[in-house]
Amino acid sequence: MIPSFDNSASLPRAESALARNRVLRNTYWLLAASMAPTVLGAWVGMQFGFNWFAGSPFIGVLVFLGIAFGFFYAIERTKHSVTGVYLLLGFTFFMGLMLSRLIGLAVGMSNGPQLIGVAAAGTGAVFFAMASIASTTKRDLSNMGKFLMIGVVVLIVASVANIWLQMPALMLTVSALAVGIFSAFLLYDLNRIITGGETNYISATLSVYLSIYNIFSNLLVLLMSLFGGNRD
């Protein structure tokens, strides 16, 4: 007598694994595509001297947050259609514009291009490290989200306060904390994709993109502050 095996229980698990791999793959592809409008936005901002509310930084922060959260809302509402992809790419162009002033300041330094390269390489190293940990860890990371959000709120409050305080030490502290918090957010978001906690690749890409953007920009701020050469 030949024994029979019931494979019906393994089928859902196999389909679930395929779905998670598909979300992860699509997230990586869309994340790579989002870098193009970011670079384009930064280039356009530098060419046209984009300077967001230079005379009133506080109003600039409020307008930026309003536009950013408007994009978040629109992307969330359209995340199951191709419109969500276009909105996400539009958002990354906008974020490139916002990055242009920082890139312009870095380029103006004698070693600016090297600092930008180091910040990009450091961001890539953090990404690959967090991706490796996220795919191999057996720990439940689901409780990290609420603590990380508290950290982000503290960063925003400290950044807004420093508009008036103008304390270099506080700026460096905020940037250092931001690198740590968004590195942890990167680990959390990638782990959610890998474990099936996030099933939409557009939402996943937005979360991962924001972490990478903040890691890069804050790394660059730290490098410029600590190792920046004389301005050309």
C-alpha atoms as a PDB file:
ATOM      1  CA  MET A   1       0.000   0.000   0.000  1.00  0.00           C
ATOM      2  CA  ILE A   2       1.365   3.365  -1.039  1.00  0.00           C
ATOM      3  CA  PRO A   3       0.900   6.078   1.612  1.00  0.00           C
ATOM      4  CA  SER A   4      -0.854   9.274   0.555  1.00  0.00           C
ATOM      5  CA  PHE A   5       0.150  12.771   1.636  1.00  0.00           C
ATOM      6  CA  ASP A   6      -2.175  15.737   2.002  1.00  0.00           C
ATOM      7  CA  ASN A   7      -0.425  18.767   0.503  1.00  0.00           C
ATOM      8  CA  SER A   8      -3.426  21.056   0.812  1.00  0.00           C
ATOM      9  CA  ALA A   9      -2.033  22.754   3.933  1.00  0.00           C
ATOM     10  CA  SER A  10       1.252  23.598   2.232  1.00  0.00           C
ATOM     11  CA  LEU A  11      -0.394  25.256  -0.767  1.00  0.00           C
ATOM     12  CA  PRO A  12      -1.596  28.379   1.072  1.00  0.00           C
ATOM     13  CA  ARG A  13       1.843  28.770   2.642  1.00  0.00           C
ATOM     14  CA  ALA A  14       3.513  28.514  -0.772  1.00  0.00           C
ATOM     15  CA  GLU A  15       1.090  31.036  -2.279  1.00  0.00           C
ATOM     16  CA  SER A  16       1.674  33.376   0.652  1.00  0.00           C
ATOM     17  CA  ALA A  17       5.442  33.156   0.189  1.00  0.00           C
ATOM     18  CA  LEU A  18       5.079  33.911  -3.521  1.00  0.00           C
ATOM     19  CA  ALA A  19       2.893  36.928  -2.737  1.00  0.00           C
ATOM     20  CA  ARG A  20       5.436  38.274  -0.218  1.00  0.00           C
ATOM     21  CA  ASN A  21       8.275  37.803  -2.693  1.00  0.00           C
ATOM     22  CA  ARG A  22       6.248  39.619  -5.359  1.00  0.00           C
ATOM     23  CA  VAL A  23       5.608  42.590  -3.051  1.00  0.00           C
ATOM     24  CA  LEU A  24       9.292  42.730  -2.093  1.00  0.00           C
ATOM     25  CA  ARG A  25      10.452  42.513  -5.713  1.00  0.00           C
ATOM     26  CA  ASN A  26       8.017  45.187  -6.894  1.00  0.00           C
ATOM     27  CA  THR A  27       9.017  47.394  -3.980  1.00  0.00           C
ATOM     28  CA  TYR A  28      12.684  47.206  -4.941  1.00  0.00           C
ATOM     29  CA  TRP A  29      11.914  47.951  -8.597  1.00  0.00           C
ATOM     30  CA  LEU A  30       9.726  50.950  -7.762  1.00  0.00           C
ATOM     31  CA  LEU A  31      12.249  52.156  -5.187  1.00  0.00           C
ATOM     32  CA  ALA A  32      14.974  52.088  -7.849  1.00  0.00           C
ATOM     33  CA  ALA A  33      12.683  53.946 -10.278  1.00  0.00           C
ATOM     34  CA  SER A  34      11.922  56.597  -7.628  1.00  0.00           C
ATOM     35  CA  MET A  35      15.579  57.629  -7.496  1.00  0.00           C
ATOM     36  CA  ALA A  36      15.385  59.086 -11.032  1.00  0.00           C
ATOM     37  CA  PRO A  37      12.771  61.787 -10.243  1.00  0.00           C
ATOM     38  CA  THR A  38      14.555  62.499  -6.961  1.00  0.00           C
ATOM     39  CA  VAL A  39      17.812  63.218  -8.781  1.00  0.00           C
ATOM     40  CA  LEU A  40      15.930  65.179 -11.449  1.00  0.00           C
ATOM     41  CA  GLY A  41      14.162  67.254  -8.799  1.00  0.00           C
ATOM     42  CA  ALA A  42      17.445  68.021  -7.058  1.00  0.00           C
ATOM     43  CA  TRP A  43      19.023  69.041 -10.391  1.00  0.00           C
ATOM     44  CA  VAL A  44      16.069  71.273 -11.320  1.00  0.00           C
ATOM     45  CA  GLY A  45      16.124  72.879  -7.867  1.00  0.00           C
ATOM     46  CA  MET A  46      19.837  73.628  -8.162  1.00  0.00           C
ATOM     47  CA  GLN A  47      19.500  75.020 -11.698  1.00  0.00           C
ATOM     48  CA  PHE A  48      16.695  77.400 -10.761  1.00  0.00           C
ATOM     49  CA  GLY A  49      17.926  78.280  -7.271  1.00  0.00           C
ATOM     50  CA  PHE A  50      14.990  76.664  -5.492  1.00  0.00           C
ATOM     51  CA  ASN A  51      14.903  78.017  -1.928  1.00  0.00           C
ATOM     52  CA  TRP A  52      11.804  77.042  -0.022  1.00  0.00           C
ATOM     53  CA  PHE A  53      10.465  80.061   1.948  1.00  0.00           C
ATOM     54  CA  ALA A  54      13.967  81.296   2.745  1.00  0.00           C
ATOM     55  CA  GLY A  55      12.590  84.365   4.501  1.00  0.00           C
ATOM     56  CA  SER A  56      10.216  82.411   6.732  1.00  0.00           C
ATOM     57  CA  PRO A  57      11.504  78.913   7.558  1.00  0.00           C
ATOM     58  CA  PHE A  58       8.618  78.133   9.933  1.00  0.00           C
ATOM     59  CA  ILE A  59       6.007  78.863   7.245  1.00  0.00           C
ATOM     60  CA  GLY A  60       8.124  76.795   4.868  1.00  0.00           C
ATOM     61  CA  VAL A  61       8.025  73.812   7.235  1.00  0.00           C
ATOM     62  CA  LEU A  62       4.236  74.087   7.562  1.00  0.00           C
ATOM     63  CA  VAL A  63       3.730  74.293   3.792  1.00  0.00           C
ATOM     64  CA  PHE A  64       6.138  71.398   3.228  1.00  0.00           C
ATOM     65  CA  LEU A  65       4.296  69.226   5.755  1.00  0.00           C
ATOM     66  CA  GLY A  66       0.963  70.156   4.179  1.00  0.00           C
ATOM     67  CA  ILE A  67       2.142  69.153   0.694  1.00  0.00           C
ATOM     68  CA  ALA A  68       3.859  66.000   1.944  1.00  0.00           C
ATOM     69  CA  PHE A  69       0.827  64.781   3.878  1.00  0.00           C
ATOM     70  CA  GLY A  70      -1.356  65.645   0.897  1.00  0.00           C
ATOM     71  CA  PHE A  71       0.788  63.312  -1.199  1.00  0.00           C
ATOM     72  CA  PHE A  72       0.612  60.640   1.538  1.00  0.00           C
ATOM     73  CA  TYR A  73      -3.185  60.808   1.551  1.00  0.00           C
ATOM     74  CA  ALA A  74      -3.472  60.717  -2.241  1.00  0.00           C
ATOM     75  CA  ILE A  75      -0.998  57.838  -2.569  1.00  0.00           C
ATOM     76  CA  GLU A  76      -2.823  55.844   0.091  1.00  0.00           C
ATOM     77  CA  ARG A  77      -6.159  56.366  -1.682  1.00  0.00           C
ATOM     78  CA  THR A  78      -4.770  55.255  -5.058  1.00  0.00           C
ATOM     79  CA  LYS A  79      -2.267  52.611  -3.982  1.00  0.00           C
ATOM     80  CA  HIS A  80      -4.141  49.828  -5.803  1.00  0.00           C
ATOM     81  CA  SER A  81      -3.906  51.531  -9.191  1.00  0.00           C
ATOM     82  CA  VAL A  82      -1.267  52.898 -11.553  1.00  0.00           C
ATOM     83  CA  THR A  83      -2.242  56.403 -10.392  1.00  0.00           C
ATOM     84  CA  GLY A  84      -0.578  55.596  -7.090  1.00  0.00           C
ATOM     85  CA  VAL A  85       2.692  54.905  -8.915  1.00  0.00           C
ATOM     86  CA  TYR A  86       2.541  58.248 -10.722  1.00  0.00           C
ATOM     87  CA  LEU A  87       1.736  60.090  -7.496  1.00  0.00           C
ATOM     88  CA  LEU A  88       4.621  58.371  -5.733  1.00  0.00           C
ATOM     89  CA  LEU A  89       7.029  59.378  -8.500  1.00  0.00           C
ATOM     90  CA  GLY A  90       5.664  62.928  -8.338  1.00  0.00           C
ATOM     91  CA  PHE A  91       6.274  62.954  -4.605  1.00  0.00           C
ATOM     92  CA  THR A  92       9.870  61.805  -5.067  1.00  0.00           C
ATOM     93  CA  PHE A  93      10.416  64.649  -7.564  1.00  0.00           C
ATOM     94  CA  PHE A  94       9.094  67.075  -4.954  1.00  0.00           C
ATOM     95  CA  MET A  95      11.432  65.583  -2.359  1.00  0.00           C
ATOM     96  CA  GLY A  96      14.299  66.030  -4.809  1.00  0.00           C
ATOM     97  CA  LEU A  97      13.418  69.727  -5.035  1.00  0.00           C
ATOM     98  CA  MET A  98      13.489  69.918  -1.255  1.00  0.00           C
ATOM     99  CA  LEU A  99      16.901  68.244  -1.240  1.00  0.00           C
ATOM    100  CA  SER A 100      18.385  70.624  -3.816  1.00  0.00           C
ATOM    101  CA  ARG A 101      19.387  73.338  -1.342  1.00  0.00           C
ATOM    102  CA  LEU A 102      21.329  70.873   0.823  1.00  0.00           C
ATOM    103  CA  ILE A 103      23.011  69.372  -2.251  1.00  0.00           C
ATOM    104  CA  GLY A 104      23.835  72.870  -3.468  1.00  0.00           C
ATOM    105  CA  LEU A 105      25.473  73.746  -0.157  1.00  0.00           C
ATOM    106  CA  ALA A 106      27.510  70.540  -0.297  1.00  0.00           C
ATOM    107  CA  VAL A 107      28.591  71.106  -3.900  1.00  0.00           C
ATOM    108  CA  GLY A 108      29.802  74.564  -2.892  1.00  0.00           C
ATOM    109  CA  MET A 109      32.361  73.026  -0.539  1.00  0.00           C
ATOM    110  CA  SER A 110      35.825  72.107  -1.750  1.00  0.00           C
ATOM    111  CA  ASN A 111      35.211  68.439  -0.876  1.00  0.00           C
ATOM    112  CA  GLY A 112      31.439  68.540  -1.449  1.00  0.00           C
ATOM    113  CA  PRO A 113      31.220  65.873  -4.181  1.00  0.00           C
ATOM    114  CA  GLN A 114      33.232  63.472  -2.003  1.00  0.00           C
ATOM    115  CA  LEU A 115      30.906  64.107   0.954  1.00  0.00           C
ATOM    116  CA  ILE A 116      27.860  63.434  -1.223  1.00  0.00           C
ATOM    117  CA  GLY A 117      29.474  60.198  -2.416  1.00  0.00           C
ATOM    118  CA  VAL A 118      30.275  59.105   1.135  1.00  0.00           C
ATOM    119  CA  ALA A 119      26.714  59.890   2.266  1.00  0.00           C
ATOM    120  CA  ALA A 120      25.295  57.882  -0.653  1.00  0.00           C
ATOM    121  CA  ALA A 121      27.636  54.958   0.046  1.00  0.00           C
ATOM    122  CA  GLY A 122      26.811  55.083   3.754  1.00  0.00           C
ATOM    123  CA  THR A 123      23.092  55.074   2.978  1.00  0.00           C
ATOM    124  CA  GLY A 124      23.557  52.079   0.694  1.00  0.00           C
ATOM    125  CA  ALA A 125      25.510  50.246   3.386  1.00  0.00           C
ATOM    126  CA  VAL A 126      22.763  50.911   5.938  1.00  0.00           C
ATOM    127  CA  PHE A 127      20.109  49.709   3.487  1.00  0.00           C
ATOM    128  CA  PHE A 128      21.868  46.419   2.719  1.00  0.00           C
ATOM    129  CA  ALA A 129      22.618  45.842   6.409  1.00  0.00           C
ATOM    130  CA  MET A 130      19.001  46.418   7.430  1.00  0.00           C
ATOM    131  CA  ALA A 131      17.721  44.291   4.524  1.00  0.00           C
ATOM    132  CA  SER A 132      19.987  41.425   5.602  1.00  0.00           C
ATOM    133  CA  ILE A 133      18.877  41.639   9.219  1.00  0.00           C
ATOM    134  CA  ALA A 134      15.203  41.955   8.216  1.00  0.00           C
ATOM    135  CA  SER A 135      15.374  38.793   6.110  1.00  0.00           C
ATOM    136  CA  THR A 136      17.174  36.663   8.694  1.00  0.00           C
ATOM    137  CA  THR A 137      15.946  37.773  12.110  1.00  0.00           C
ATOM    138  CA  LYS A 138      13.520  35.536  13.986  1.00  0.00           C
ATOM    139  CA  ARG A 139      12.486  38.281  16.388  1.00  0.00           C
ATOM    140  CA  ASP A 140       9.042  39.858  16.275  1.00  0.00           C
ATOM    141  CA  LEU A 141       9.600  43.490  15.256  1.00  0.00           C
ATOM    142  CA  SER A 142       5.929  44.457  15.058  1.00  0.00           C
ATOM    143  CA  ASN A 143       6.080  46.513  18.262  1.00  0.00           C
ATOM    144  CA  MET A 144       8.846  48.781  16.962  1.00  0.00           C
ATOM    145  CA  GLY A 145       6.501  50.956  14.918  1.00  0.00           C
ATOM    146  CA  LYS A 146       4.837  52.929  17.704  1.00  0.00           C
ATOM    147  CA  PHE A 147       8.130  53.691  19.455  1.00  0.00           C
ATOM    148  CA  LEU A 148       9.730  54.808  16.201  1.00  0.00           C
ATOM    149  CA  MET A 149       6.796  57.122  15.468  1.00  0.00           C
ATOM    150  CA  ILE A 150       7.298  58.757  18.864  1.00  0.00           C
ATOM    151  CA  GLY A 151      10.935  59.262  17.917  1.00  0.00           C
ATOM    152  CA  VAL A 152       9.940  60.895  14.611  1.00  0.00           C
ATOM    153  CA  VAL A 153       7.591  63.293  16.416  1.00  0.00           C
ATOM    154  CA  VAL A 154      10.401  64.250  18.801  1.00  0.00           C
ATOM    155  CA  LEU A 155      12.703  64.863  15.820  1.00  0.00           C
ATOM    156  CA  ILE A 156      10.132  67.112  14.135  1.00  0.00           C
ATOM    157  CA  VAL A 157       9.555  69.127  17.306  1.00  0.00           C
ATOM    158  CA  ALA A 158      13.299  69.517  17.897  1.00  0.00           C
ATOM    159  CA  SER A 159      13.899  70.532  14.266  1.00  0.00           C
ATOM    160  CA  VAL A 160      11.160  73.168  14.370  1.00  0.00           C
ATOM    161  CA  ALA A 161      12.430  74.476  17.713  1.00  0.00           C
ATOM    162  CA  ASN A 162      15.918  74.829  16.278  1.00  0.00           C
ATOM    163  CA  ILE A 163      14.586  77.244  13.640  1.00  0.00           C
ATOM    164  CA  TRP A 164      14.582  79.818  16.446  1.00  0.00           C
ATOM    165  CA  LEU A 165      17.286  78.394  18.703  1.00  0.00           C
ATOM    166  CA  GLN A 166      19.865  78.039  15.902  1.00  0.00           C
ATOM    167  CA  MET A 167      22.004  75.681  17.994  1.00  0.00           C
ATOM    168  CA  PRO A 168      24.599  73.752  15.941  1.00  0.00           C
ATOM    169  CA  ALA A 169      24.896  71.116  18.668  1.00  0.00           C
ATOM    170  CA  LEU A 170      21.139  70.495  18.581  1.00  0.00           C
ATOM    171  CA  MET A 171      21.221  70.253  14.779  1.00  0.00           C
ATOM    172  CA  LEU A 172      23.963  67.621  14.930  1.00  0.00           C
ATOM    173  CA  THR A 173      22.113  65.729  17.671  1.00  0.00           C
ATOM    174  CA  VAL A 174      18.894  65.712  15.649  1.00  0.00           C
ATOM    175  CA  SER A 175      20.739  64.518  12.524  1.00  0.00           C
ATOM    176  CA  ALA A 176      22.521  61.732  14.414  1.00  0.00           C
ATOM    177  CA  LEU A 177      19.272  60.584  16.023  1.00  0.00           C
ATOM    178  CA  ALA A 178      17.496  60.764  12.668  1.00  0.00           C
ATOM    179  CA  VAL A 179      20.055  58.422  11.087  1.00  0.00           C
ATOM    180  CA  GLY A 180      19.511  55.924  13.911  1.00  0.00           C
ATOM    181  CA  ILE A 181      15.709  56.201  13.977  1.00  0.00           C
ATOM    182  CA  PHE A 182      15.238  55.928  10.226  1.00  0.00           C
ATOM    183  CA  SER A 183      17.706  53.041  10.028  1.00  0.00           C
ATOM    184  CA  ALA A 184      15.481  51.256  12.551  1.00  0.00           C
ATOM    185  CA  PHE A 185      12.413  52.268  10.519  1.00  0.00           C
ATOM    186  CA  LEU A 186      14.070  50.741   7.448  1.00  0.00           C
ATOM    187  CA  LEU A 187      14.558  47.475   9.325  1.00  0.00           C
ATOM    188  CA  TYR A 188      10.968  47.565  10.568  1.00  0.00           C
ATOM    189  CA  ASP A 189       9.426  48.287   7.150  1.00  0.00           C
ATOM    190  CA  LEU A 190      11.516  45.718   5.273  1.00  0.00           C
ATOM    191  CA  ASN A 191      10.692  43.099   7.889  1.00  0.00           C
ATOM    192  CA  ARG A 192       6.988  43.876   7.523  1.00  0.00           C
ATOM    193  CA  ILE A 193       7.226  43.251   3.781  1.00  0.00           C
ATOM    194  CA  ILE A 194       9.176  40.025   4.215  1.00  0.00           C
ATOM    195  CA  THR A 195       6.793  38.668   6.874  1.00  0.00           C
ATOM    196  CA  GLY A 196       3.634  39.687   5.016  1.00  0.00           C
ATOM    197  CA  GLY A 197       2.658  42.588   7.252  1.00  0.00           C
ATOM    198  CA  GLU A 198       2.675  44.941   4.240  1.00  0.00           C
ATOM    199  CA  THR A 199       0.961  43.612   1.122  1.00  0.00           C
ATOM    200  CA  ASN A 200       0.940  46.694  -1.127  1.00  0.00           C
ATOM    201  CA  TYR A 201       4.186  47.514  -2.911  1.00  0.00           C
ATOM    202  CA  ILE A 202       3.327  51.214  -3.415  1.00  0.00           C
ATOM    203  CA  SER A 203       2.806  51.780   0.309  1.00  0.00           C
ATOM    204  CA  ALA A 204       5.912  49.713   1.016  1.00  0.00           C
ATOM    205  CA  THR A 205       8.003  51.755  -1.420  1.00  0.00           C
ATOM    206  CA  LEU A 206       6.834  55.029   0.119  1.00  0.00           C
ATOM    207  CA  SER A 207       7.852  53.891   3.609  1.00  0.00           C
ATOM    208  CA  VAL A 208      11.256  52.578   2.529  1.00  0.00           C
ATOM    209  CA  TYR A 209      11.920  55.653   0.366  1.00  0.00           C
ATOM    210  CA  LEU A 210      11.255  58.040   3.262  1.00  0.00           C
ATOM    211  CA  SER A 211      13.712  56.151   5.462  1.00  0.00           C
ATOM    212  CA  ILE A 212      16.424  56.150   2.791  1.00  0.00           C
ATOM    213  CA  TYR A 213      15.849  59.845   2.023  1.00  0.00           C
ATOM    214  CA  ASN A 214      16.167  60.824   5.666  1.00  0.00           C
ATOM    215  CA  ILE A 215      19.221  58.639   6.263  1.00  0.00           C
ATOM    216  CA  PHE A 216      21.010  60.169   3.265  1.00  0.00           C
ATOM    217  CA  SER A 217      20.107  63.793   4.008  1.00  0.00           C
ATOM    218  CA  ASN A 218      21.021  63.580   7.672  1.00  0.00           C
ATOM    219  CA  LEU A 219      24.255  61.706   6.965  1.00  0.00           C
ATOM    220  CA  LEU A 220      25.166  64.486   4.547  1.00  0.00           C
ATOM    221  CA  VAL A 221      24.400  67.141   7.166  1.00  0.00           C
ATOM    222  CA  LEU A 222      26.667  65.367   9.648  1.00  0.00           C
ATOM    223  CA  LEU A 223      29.484  64.977   7.120  1.00  0.00           C
ATOM    224  CA  MET A 224      29.246  68.610   6.027  1.00  0.00           C
ATOM    225  CA  SER A 225      29.271  69.817   9.616  1.00  0.00           C
ATOM    226  CA  LEU A 226      32.164  67.641  10.749  1.00  0.00           C
ATOM    227  CA  PHE A 227      34.315  67.278   7.637  1.00  0.00           C
ATOM    228  CA  GLY A 228      33.188  69.970   5.205  1.00  0.00           C
ATOM    229  CA  GLY A 229      35.984  71.855   3.489  1.00  0.00           C
ATOM    230  CA  ASN A 230      36.162  75.566   2.725  1.00  0.00           C
ATOM    231  CA  ARG A 231      33.551  76.932   0.374  1.00  0.00           C
ATOM    232  CA  ASP A 232      34.735  77.455  -3.190  1.00  0.00           C
END
